[in-house]
Amino acid sequence: MSEYNKPIDRDYFKKKENPKWNAEKKVTPCCEQPIDEDFLFVNNKEHWEMIEEHIRQYLHDYSKTESVTPVSCEVCHRLLEYTTTLSENAYTPGYLRK
């Protein structure tokens, strides 16, 4: 089998960029998120502006959403997820019934 007939995955490119890179799963001890991936940090001004813009756009696109809360790690301040609160009028019981 030729050296060119091998699957190319994310690990291939990580090793190409950094020859000392090893394929062990590297995660942060606080929130167990991968170290070698790009994340948004809520304490970074530029990242916070991107988070705000995403929330603004989400509230604009989904009118039945009352609020969006960015959830981050308390130790490293990585953005982990968003939680949303829907308005009481968002769900109408029996809406799909004929």
PDB file of N, CA and C in Angstrom:
ATOM      1  N   MET A   1       0.851  -1.176   0.000  1.00  0.00           N
ATOM      2  CA  MET A   1       0.000   0.000   0.000  1.00  0.00           C
ATOM      3  C   MET A   1       0.898   1.242   0.000  1.00  0.00           C
ATOM      4  N   SER A   2       0.607   2.129  -0.864  1.00  0.00           N
ATOM      5  CA  SER A   2       1.387   3.359  -0.994  1.00  0.00           C
ATOM      6  C   SER A   2       1.127   4.282   0.191  1.00  0.00           C
ATOM      7  N   GLU A   3       2.065   5.174   0.464  1.00  0.00           N
ATOM      8  CA  GLU A   3       1.885   6.126   1.559  1.00  0.00           C
ATOM      9  C   GLU A   3       0.757   7.116   1.261  1.00  0.00           C
ATOM     10  N   TYR A   4       0.356   7.209  -0.007  1.00  0.00           N
ATOM     11  CA  TYR A   4      -0.717   8.129  -0.388  1.00  0.00           C
ATOM     12  C   TYR A   4      -2.097   7.496  -0.272  1.00  0.00           C
ATOM     13  N   ASN A   5      -2.152   6.204  -0.044  1.00  0.00           N
ATOM     14  CA  ASN A   5      -3.427   5.500   0.051  1.00  0.00           C
ATOM     15  C   ASN A   5      -3.872   5.315   1.495  1.00  0.00           C
ATOM     16  N   LYS A   6      -3.668   6.333   2.301  1.00  0.00           N
ATOM     17  CA  LYS A   6      -4.066   6.281   3.706  1.00  0.00           C
ATOM     18  C   LYS A   6      -5.136   7.329   3.952  1.00  0.00           C
ATOM     19  N   PRO A   7      -6.056   7.045   4.862  1.00  0.00           N
ATOM     20  CA  PRO A   7      -7.071   8.042   5.169  1.00  0.00           C
ATOM     21  C   PRO A   7      -6.444   9.298   5.787  1.00  0.00           C
ATOM     22  N   ILE A   8      -6.961  10.422   5.383  1.00  0.00           N
ATOM     23  CA  ILE A   8      -6.488  11.694   5.935  1.00  0.00           C
ATOM     24  C   ILE A   8      -7.589  12.235   6.836  1.00  0.00           C
ATOM     25  N   ASP A   9      -7.253  12.411   8.112  1.00  0.00           N
ATOM     26  CA  ASP A   9      -8.223  12.909   9.082  1.00  0.00           C
ATOM     27  C   ASP A   9      -7.667  14.151   9.771  1.00  0.00           C
ATOM     28  N   ARG A  10      -8.343  14.606  10.799  1.00  0.00           N
ATOM     29  CA  ARG A  10      -7.918  15.814  11.524  1.00  0.00           C
ATOM     30  C   ARG A  10      -6.537  15.626  12.160  1.00  0.00           C
ATOM     31  N   ASP A  11      -6.298  14.429  12.668  1.00  0.00           N
ATOM     32  CA  ASP A  11      -5.007  14.159  13.301  1.00  0.00           C
ATOM     33  C   ASP A  11      -3.850  14.311  12.311  1.00  0.00           C
ATOM     34  N   TYR A  12      -4.089  13.957  11.061  1.00  0.00           N
ATOM     35  CA  TYR A  12      -3.064  14.099  10.034  1.00  0.00           C
ATOM     36  C   TYR A  12      -2.605  15.552   9.926  1.00  0.00           C
ATOM     37  N   PHE A  13      -3.568  16.476   9.868  1.00  0.00           N
ATOM     38  CA  PHE A  13      -3.227  17.888   9.712  1.00  0.00           C
ATOM     39  C   PHE A  13      -2.611  18.468  10.984  1.00  0.00           C
ATOM     40  N   LYS A  14      -3.057  17.992  12.130  1.00  0.00           N
ATOM     41  CA  LYS A  14      -2.464  18.460  13.380  1.00  0.00           C
ATOM     42  C   LYS A  14      -1.006  18.025  13.475  1.00  0.00           C
ATOM     43  N   LYS A  15      -0.736  16.802  13.056  1.00  0.00           N
ATOM     44  CA  LYS A  15       0.635  16.312  13.089  1.00  0.00           C
ATOM     45  C   LYS A  15       1.493  17.002  12.031  1.00  0.00           C
ATOM     46  N   LYS A  16       0.893  17.338  10.907  1.00  0.00           N
ATOM     47  CA  LYS A  16       1.617  18.036   9.850  1.00  0.00           C
ATOM     48  C   LYS A  16       2.038  19.432  10.313  1.00  0.00           C
ATOM     49  N   GLU A  17       1.144  20.114  11.038  1.00  0.00           N
ATOM     50  CA  GLU A  17       1.455  21.447  11.557  1.00  0.00           C
ATOM     51  C   GLU A  17       2.469  21.389  12.691  1.00  0.00           C
ATOM     52  N   ASN A  18       2.378  20.351  13.515  1.00  0.00           N
ATOM     53  CA  ASN A  18       3.261  20.213  14.664  1.00  0.00           C
ATOM     54  C   ASN A  18       3.742  18.761  14.733  1.00  0.00           C
ATOM     55  N   PRO A  19       4.946  18.471  14.233  1.00  0.00           N
ATOM     56  CA  PRO A  19       5.433  17.083  14.215  1.00  0.00           C
ATOM     57  C   PRO A  19       5.521  16.424  15.594  1.00  0.00           C
ATOM     58  N   LYS A  20       5.602  17.200  16.658  1.00  0.00           N
ATOM     59  CA  LYS A  20       5.682  16.633  18.002  1.00  0.00           C
ATOM     60  C   LYS A  20       4.307  16.318  18.583  1.00  0.00           C
ATOM     61  N   TRP A  21       3.267  16.637  17.830  1.00  0.00           N
ATOM     62  CA  TRP A  21       1.902  16.399  18.298  1.00  0.00           C
ATOM     63  C   TRP A  21       1.640  14.903  18.392  1.00  0.00           C
ATOM     64  N   ASN A  22       0.968  14.491  19.473  1.00  0.00           N
ATOM     65  CA  ASN A  22       0.587  13.079  19.581  1.00  0.00           C
ATOM     66  C   ASN A  22      -0.939  12.985  19.628  1.00  0.00           C
ATOM     67  N   ALA A  23      -1.444  11.836  19.281  1.00  0.00           N
ATOM     68  CA  ALA A  23      -2.884  11.659  19.090  1.00  0.00           C
ATOM     69  C   ALA A  23      -3.667  11.439  20.375  1.00  0.00           C
ATOM     70  N   GLU A  24      -3.044  11.597  21.520  1.00  0.00           N
ATOM     71  CA  GLU A  24      -3.772  11.438  22.778  1.00  0.00           C
ATOM     72  C   GLU A  24      -4.812  12.542  22.899  1.00  0.00           C
ATOM     73  N   LYS A  25      -5.902  12.210  23.488  1.00  0.00           N
ATOM     74  CA  LYS A  25      -6.975  13.184  23.687  1.00  0.00           C
ATOM     75  C   LYS A  25      -6.544  14.172  24.760  1.00  0.00           C
ATOM     76  N   LYS A  26      -6.362  15.427  24.375  1.00  0.00           N
ATOM     77  CA  LYS A  26      -5.929  16.449  25.319  1.00  0.00           C
ATOM     78  C   LYS A  26      -7.137  17.320  25.653  1.00  0.00           C
ATOM     79  N   VAL A  27      -7.484  17.347  26.916  1.00  0.00           N
ATOM     80  CA  VAL A  27      -8.638  18.127  27.359  1.00  0.00           C
ATOM     81  C   VAL A  27      -8.261  18.980  28.561  1.00  0.00           C
ATOM     82  N   THR A  28      -9.025  20.026  28.759  1.00  0.00           N
ATOM     83  CA  THR A  28      -8.794  20.871  29.920  1.00  0.00           C
ATOM     84  C   THR A  28      -9.275  20.139  31.174  1.00  0.00           C
ATOM     85  N   PRO A  29      -8.611  20.297  32.295  1.00  0.00           N
ATOM     86  CA  PRO A  29      -9.027  19.596  33.504  1.00  0.00           C
ATOM     87  C   PRO A  29     -10.325  20.149  34.090  1.00  0.00           C
ATOM     88  N   CYS A  30     -10.626  21.410  33.812  1.00  0.00           N
ATOM     89  CA  CYS A  30     -11.799  22.032  34.432  1.00  0.00           C
ATOM     90  C   CYS A  30     -13.103  21.658  33.727  1.00  0.00           C
ATOM     91  N   CYS A  31     -13.160  21.796  32.405  1.00  0.00           N
ATOM     92  CA  CYS A  31     -14.423  21.567  31.696  1.00  0.00           C
ATOM     93  C   CYS A  31     -14.342  20.444  30.669  1.00  0.00           C
ATOM     94  N   GLU A  32     -13.186  19.774  30.610  1.00  0.00           N
ATOM     95  CA  GLU A  32     -12.976  18.630  29.735  1.00  0.00           C
ATOM     96  C   GLU A  32     -13.278  18.929  28.269  1.00  0.00           C
ATOM     97  N   GLN A  33     -12.845  20.106  27.804  1.00  0.00           N
ATOM     98  CA  GLN A  33     -12.970  20.484  26.402  1.00  0.00           C
ATOM     99  C   GLN A  33     -11.619  20.287  25.718  1.00  0.00           C
ATOM    100  N   PRO A  34     -11.618  19.909  24.446  1.00  0.00           N
ATOM    101  CA  PRO A  34     -10.341  19.691  23.743  1.00  0.00           C
ATOM    102  C   PRO A  34      -9.480  20.952  23.743  1.00  0.00           C
ATOM    103  N   ILE A  35      -8.203  20.768  23.981  1.00  0.00           N
ATOM    104  CA  ILE A  35      -7.278  21.895  24.054  1.00  0.00           C
ATOM    105  C   ILE A  35      -6.951  22.439  22.672  1.00  0.00           C
ATOM    106  N   ASP A  36      -6.847  21.573  21.688  1.00  0.00           N
ATOM    107  CA  ASP A  36      -6.352  21.982  20.381  1.00  0.00           C
ATOM    108  C   ASP A  36      -7.446  22.472  19.416  1.00  0.00           C
ATOM    109  N   GLU A  37      -8.622  22.806  19.911  1.00  0.00           N
ATOM    110  CA  GLU A  37      -9.678  23.355  19.071  1.00  0.00           C
ATOM    111  C   GLU A  37      -9.895  24.814  19.416  1.00  0.00           C
ATOM    112  N   ASP A  38     -10.437  25.544  18.456  1.00  0.00           N
ATOM    113  CA  ASP A  38     -10.723  26.957  18.682  1.00  0.00           C
ATOM    114  C   ASP A  38     -12.012  27.109  19.476  1.00  0.00           C
ATOM    115  N   PHE A  39     -11.973  27.980  20.468  1.00  0.00           N
ATOM    116  CA  PHE A  39     -13.139  28.243  21.296  1.00  0.00           C
ATOM    117  C   PHE A  39     -13.293  29.732  21.490  1.00  0.00           C
ATOM    118  N   LEU A  40     -14.463  30.123  21.914  1.00  0.00           N
ATOM    119  CA  LEU A  40     -14.705  31.509  22.299  1.00  0.00           C
ATOM    120  C   LEU A  40     -14.562  31.607  23.811  1.00  0.00           C
ATOM    121  N   PHE A  41     -13.977  32.698  24.250  1.00  0.00           N
ATOM    122  CA  PHE A  41     -13.803  32.943  25.673  1.00  0.00           C
ATOM    123  C   PHE A  41     -14.616  34.182  26.048  1.00  0.00           C
ATOM    124  N   VAL A  42     -15.450  34.054  27.071  1.00  0.00           N
ATOM    125  CA  VAL A  42     -16.333  35.158  27.446  1.00  0.00           C
ATOM    126  C   VAL A  42     -15.581  36.334  28.047  1.00  0.00           C
ATOM    127  N   ASN A  43     -14.365  36.143  28.495  1.00  0.00           N
ATOM    128  CA  ASN A  43     -13.608  37.252  29.066  1.00  0.00           C
ATOM    129  C   ASN A  43     -12.734  37.958  28.025  1.00  0.00           C
ATOM    130  N   ASN A  44     -12.792  37.528  26.775  1.00  0.00           N
ATOM    131  CA  ASN A  44     -12.089  38.177  25.675  1.00  0.00           C
ATOM    132  C   ASN A  44     -13.053  39.148  24.995  1.00  0.00           C
ATOM    133  N   LYS A  45     -12.671  40.410  24.872  1.00  0.00           N
ATOM    134  CA  LYS A  45     -13.564  41.446  24.357  1.00  0.00           C
ATOM    135  C   LYS A  45     -14.056  41.132  22.935  1.00  0.00           C
ATOM    136  N   GLU A  46     -13.163  40.709  22.054  1.00  0.00           N
ATOM    137  CA  GLU A  46     -13.562  40.386  20.680  1.00  0.00           C
ATOM    138  C   GLU A  46     -14.501  39.184  20.641  1.00  0.00           C
ATOM    139  N   HIS A  47     -14.201  38.182  21.447  1.00  0.00           N
ATOM    140  CA  HIS A  47     -15.067  37.001  21.501  1.00  0.00           C
ATOM    141  C   HIS A  47     -16.434  37.362  22.064  1.00  0.00           C
ATOM    142  N   TRP A  48     -16.448  38.224  23.088  1.00  0.00           N
ATOM    143  CA  TRP A  48     -17.719  38.615  23.685  1.00  0.00           C
ATOM    144  C   TRP A  48     -18.588  39.354  22.667  1.00  0.00           C
ATOM    145  N   GLU A  49     -17.971  40.184  21.824  1.00  0.00           N
ATOM    146  CA  GLU A  49     -18.732  40.885  20.790  1.00  0.00           C
ATOM    147  C   GLU A  49     -19.329  39.888  19.796  1.00  0.00           C
ATOM    148  N   MET A  50     -18.593  38.826  19.474  1.00  0.00           N
ATOM    149  CA  MET A  50     -19.125  37.797  18.580  1.00  0.00           C
ATOM    150  C   MET A  50     -20.277  37.037  19.252  1.00  0.00           C
ATOM    151  N   ILE A  51     -20.149  36.779  20.538  1.00  0.00           N
ATOM    152  CA  ILE A  51     -21.220  36.103  21.282  1.00  0.00           C
ATOM    153  C   ILE A  51     -22.466  36.981  21.302  1.00  0.00           C
ATOM    154  N   GLU A  52     -22.284  38.262  21.598  1.00  0.00           N
ATOM    155  CA  GLU A  52     -23.424  39.194  21.601  1.00  0.00           C
ATOM    156  C   GLU A  52     -24.093  39.263  20.233  1.00  0.00           C
ATOM    157  N   GLU A  53     -23.303  39.312  19.185  1.00  0.00           N
ATOM    158  CA  GLU A  53     -23.867  39.375  17.829  1.00  0.00           C
ATOM    159  C   GLU A  53     -24.650  38.106  17.505  1.00  0.00           C
ATOM    160  N   HIS A  54     -24.134  36.951  17.925  1.00  0.00           N
ATOM    161  CA  HIS A  54     -24.849  35.693  17.706  1.00  0.00           C
ATOM    162  C   HIS A  54     -26.182  35.693  18.452  1.00  0.00           C
ATOM    163  N   ILE A  55     -26.169  36.153  19.692  1.00  0.00           N
ATOM    164  CA  ILE A  55     -27.404  36.195  20.480  1.00  0.00           C
ATOM    165  C   ILE A  55     -28.389  37.186  19.865  1.00  0.00           C
ATOM    166  N   ARG A  56     -27.895  38.354  19.445  1.00  0.00           N
ATOM    167  CA  ARG A  56     -28.767  39.349  18.808  1.00  0.00           C
ATOM    168  C   ARG A  56     -29.433  38.759  17.571  1.00  0.00           C
ATOM    169  N   GLN A  57     -28.649  38.089  16.740  1.00  0.00           N
ATOM    170  CA  GLN A  57     -29.185  37.484  15.520  1.00  0.00           C
ATOM    171  C   GLN A  57     -30.170  36.369  15.849  1.00  0.00           C
ATOM    172  N   TYR A  58     -29.876  35.576  16.863  1.00  0.00           N
ATOM    173  CA  TYR A  58     -30.767  34.485  17.263  1.00  0.00           C
ATOM    174  C   TYR A  58     -32.111  35.036  17.742  1.00  0.00           C
ATOM    175  N   LEU A  59     -32.066  36.091  18.584  1.00  0.00           N
ATOM    176  CA  LEU A  59     -33.308  36.689  19.074  1.00  0.00           C
ATOM    177  C   LEU A  59     -34.104  37.314  17.939  1.00  0.00           C
ATOM    178  N   HIS A  60     -33.410  37.823  16.943  1.00  0.00           N
ATOM    179  CA  HIS A  60     -34.088  38.397  15.783  1.00  0.00           C
ATOM    180  C   HIS A  60     -34.750  37.300  14.945  1.00  0.00           C
ATOM    181  N   ASP A  61     -34.044  36.193  14.732  1.00  0.00           N
ATOM    182  CA  ASP A  61     -34.539  35.112  13.878  1.00  0.00           C
ATOM    183  C   ASP A  61     -35.642  34.290  14.537  1.00  0.00           C
ATOM    184  N   TYR A  62     -35.580  34.134  15.851  1.00  0.00           N
ATOM    185  CA  TYR A  62     -36.549  33.299  16.571  1.00  0.00           C
ATOM    186  C   TYR A  62     -37.338  34.190  17.532  1.00  0.00           C
ATOM    187  N   SER A  63     -38.441  34.704  17.055  1.00  0.00           N
ATOM    188  CA  SER A  63     -39.208  35.702  17.808  1.00  0.00           C
ATOM    189  C   SER A  63     -39.822  35.158  19.096  1.00  0.00           C
ATOM    190  N   LYS A  64     -40.012  33.868  19.211  1.00  0.00           N
ATOM    191  CA  LYS A  64     -40.611  33.309  20.427  1.00  0.00           C
ATOM    192  C   LYS A  64     -39.589  33.057  21.521  1.00  0.00           C
ATOM    193  N   THR A  65     -38.347  33.394  21.283  1.00  0.00           N
ATOM    194  CA  THR A  65     -37.296  33.250  22.289  1.00  0.00           C
ATOM    195  C   THR A  65     -37.230  34.525  23.111  1.00  0.00           C
ATOM    196  N   GLU A  66     -37.352  34.393  24.428  1.00  0.00           N
ATOM    197  CA  GLU A  66     -37.286  35.555  25.311  1.00  0.00           C
ATOM    198  C   GLU A  66     -35.857  35.950  25.624  1.00  0.00           C
ATOM    199  N   SER A  67     -35.011  34.971  25.936  1.00  0.00           N
ATOM    200  CA  SER A  67     -33.629  35.283  26.296  1.00  0.00           C
ATOM    201  C   SER A  67     -32.710  34.131  25.924  1.00  0.00           C
ATOM    202  N   VAL A  68     -31.441  34.475  25.761  1.00  0.00           N
ATOM    203  CA  VAL A  68     -30.395  33.496  25.481  1.00  0.00           C
ATOM    204  C   VAL A  68     -29.290  33.727  26.505  1.00  0.00           C
ATOM    205  N   THR A  69     -28.864  32.661  27.165  1.00  0.00           N
ATOM    206  CA  THR A  69     -27.823  32.769  28.184  1.00  0.00           C
ATOM    207  C   THR A  69     -26.580  32.018  27.724  1.00  0.00           C
ATOM    208  N   PRO A  70     -25.451  32.722  27.585  1.00  0.00           N
ATOM    209  CA  PRO A  70     -24.215  32.001  27.275  1.00  0.00           C
ATOM    210  C   PRO A  70     -23.681  31.322  28.534  1.00  0.00           C
ATOM    211  N   VAL A  71     -23.416  30.039  28.463  1.00  0.00           N
ATOM    212  CA  VAL A  71     -22.915  29.268  29.595  1.00  0.00           C
ATOM    213  C   VAL A  71     -21.432  29.014  29.358  1.00  0.00           C
ATOM    214  N   SER A  72     -20.611  29.382  30.347  1.00  0.00           N
ATOM    215  CA  SER A  72     -19.159  29.224  30.191  1.00  0.00           C
ATOM    216  C   SER A  72     -18.568  28.514  31.400  1.00  0.00           C
ATOM    217  N   CYS A  73     -17.372  28.016  31.221  1.00  0.00           N
ATOM    218  CA  CYS A  73     -16.634  27.389  32.315  1.00  0.00           C
ATOM    219  C   CYS A  73     -16.230  28.479  33.304  1.00  0.00           C
ATOM    220  N   GLU A  74     -16.420  28.236  34.586  1.00  0.00           N
ATOM    221  CA  GLU A  74     -16.084  29.235  35.600  1.00  0.00           C
ATOM    222  C   GLU A  74     -14.583  29.372  35.805  1.00  0.00           C
ATOM    223  N   VAL A  75     -13.817  28.370  35.411  1.00  0.00           N
ATOM    224  CA  VAL A  75     -12.374  28.401  35.617  1.00  0.00           C
ATOM    225  C   VAL A  75     -11.654  29.028  34.423  1.00  0.00           C
ATOM    226  N   CYS A  76     -11.865  28.483  33.225  1.00  0.00           N
ATOM    227  CA  CYS A  76     -11.118  28.961  32.053  1.00  0.00           C
ATOM    228  C   CYS A  76     -11.920  29.936  31.182  1.00  0.00           C
ATOM    229  N   HIS A  77     -13.199  30.118  31.468  1.00  0.00           N
ATOM    230  CA  HIS A  77     -14.080  31.076  30.786  1.00  0.00           C
ATOM    231  C   HIS A  77     -14.361  30.720  29.332  1.00  0.00           C
ATOM    232  N   ARG A  78     -14.269  29.457  28.973  1.00  0.00           N
ATOM    233  CA  ARG A  78     -14.640  29.029  27.623  1.00  0.00           C
ATOM    234  C   ARG A  78     -16.149  29.000  27.496  1.00  0.00           C
ATOM    235  N   LEU A  79     -16.634  29.408  26.348  1.00  0.00           N
ATOM    236  CA  LEU A  79     -18.057  29.296  26.063  1.00  0.00           C
ATOM    237  C   LEU A  79     -18.366  27.822  25.821  1.00  0.00           C
ATOM    238  N   LEU A  80     -19.299  27.268  26.584  1.00  0.00           N
ATOM    239  CA  LEU A  80     -19.640  25.857  26.461  1.00  0.00           C
ATOM    240  C   LEU A  80     -20.928  25.648  25.678  1.00  0.00           C
ATOM    241  N   GLU A  81     -21.921  26.483  25.950  1.00  0.00           N
ATOM    242  CA  GLU A  81     -23.203  26.323  25.281  1.00  0.00           C
ATOM    243  C   GLU A  81     -24.050  27.565  25.483  1.00  0.00           C
ATOM    244  N   TYR A  82     -25.175  27.589  24.801  1.00  0.00           N
ATOM    245  CA  TYR A  82     -26.181  28.628  24.999  1.00  0.00           C
ATOM    246  C   TYR A  82     -27.445  27.949  25.518  1.00  0.00           C
ATOM    247  N   THR A  83     -28.123  28.579  26.452  1.00  0.00           N
ATOM    248  CA  THR A  83     -29.437  28.095  26.865  1.00  0.00           C
ATOM    249  C   THR A  83     -30.441  29.174  26.508  1.00  0.00           C
ATOM    250  N   THR A  84     -31.624  28.763  26.114  1.00  0.00           N
ATOM    251  CA  THR A  84     -32.651  29.719  25.702  1.00  0.00           C
ATOM    252  C   THR A  84     -33.887  29.575  26.567  1.00  0.00           C
ATOM    253  N   THR A  85     -34.613  30.666  26.678  1.00  0.00           N
ATOM    254  CA  THR A  85     -35.885  30.680  27.377  1.00  0.00           C
ATOM    255  C   THR A  85     -36.947  31.092  26.369  1.00  0.00           C
ATOM    256  N   LEU A  86     -37.947  30.241  26.201  1.00  0.00           N
ATOM    257  CA  LEU A  86     -39.022  30.541  25.270  1.00  0.00           C
ATOM    258  C   LEU A  86     -40.137  31.285  25.985  1.00  0.00           C
ATOM    259  N   SER A  87     -40.858  32.111  25.250  1.00  0.00           N
ATOM    260  CA  SER A  87     -41.986  32.828  25.840  1.00  0.00           C
ATOM    261  C   SER A  87     -43.119  31.838  26.113  1.00  0.00           C
ATOM    262  N   GLU A  88     -44.035  32.211  26.982  1.00  0.00           N
ATOM    263  CA  GLU A  88     -45.141  31.318  27.338  1.00  0.00           C
ATOM    264  C   GLU A  88     -46.032  31.037  26.134  1.00  0.00           C
ATOM    265  N   ASN A  89     -46.065  31.950  25.189  1.00  0.00           N
ATOM    266  CA  ASN A  89     -46.900  31.785  24.013  1.00  0.00           C
ATOM    267  C   ASN A  89     -46.212  30.987  22.905  1.00  0.00           C
ATOM    268  N   ALA A  90     -45.007  30.520  23.162  1.00  0.00           N
ATOM    269  CA  ALA A  90     -44.249  29.813  22.133  1.00  0.00           C
ATOM    270  C   ALA A  90     -44.846  28.451  21.813  1.00  0.00           C
ATOM    271  N   TYR A  91     -45.440  27.811  22.786  1.00  0.00           N
ATOM    272  CA  TYR A  91     -45.998  26.481  22.575  1.00  0.00           C
ATOM    273  C   TYR A  91     -47.502  26.549  22.732  1.00  0.00           C
ATOM    274  N   THR A  92     -48.196  26.085  21.724  1.00  0.00           N
ATOM    275  CA  THR A  92     -49.650  26.046  21.771  1.00  0.00           C
ATOM    276  C   THR A  92     -50.081  24.603  21.813  1.00  0.00           C
ATOM    277  N   PRO A  93     -50.647  24.133  22.942  1.00  0.00           N
ATOM    278  CA  PRO A  93     -51.082  22.732  23.031  1.00  0.00           C
ATOM    279  C   PRO A  93     -52.102  22.414  21.932  1.00  0.00           C
ATOM    280  N   GLY A  94     -51.945  21.270  21.312  1.00  0.00           N
ATOM    281  CA  GLY A  94     -52.867  20.854  20.271  1.00  0.00           C
ATOM    282  C   GLY A  94     -52.625  21.527  18.928  1.00  0.00           C
ATOM    283  N   TYR A  95     -51.525  22.194  18.781  1.00  0.00           N
ATOM    284  CA  TYR A  95     -51.241  22.925  17.547  1.00  0.00           C
ATOM    285  C   TYR A  95     -51.201  21.985  16.329  1.00  0.00           C
ATOM    286  N   LEU A  96     -50.642  20.804  16.509  1.00  0.00           N
ATOM    287  CA  LEU A  96     -50.507  19.884  15.388  1.00  0.00           C
ATOM    288  C   LEU A  96     -51.731  18.984  15.183  1.00  0.00           C
ATOM    289  N   ARG A  97     -52.692  19.075  16.074  1.00  0.00           N
ATOM    290  CA  ARG A  97     -53.907  18.269  15.935  1.00  0.00           C
ATOM    291  C   ARG A  97     -54.796  18.860  14.848  1.00  0.00           C
ATOM    292  N   LYS A  98     -55.527  17.996  14.184  1.00  0.00           N
ATOM    293  CA  LYS A  98     -56.457  18.473  13.134  1.00  0.00           C
ATOM    294  C   LYS A  98     -57.826  18.705  13.702  1.00  0.00           C
TER     295      LYS A  98
END
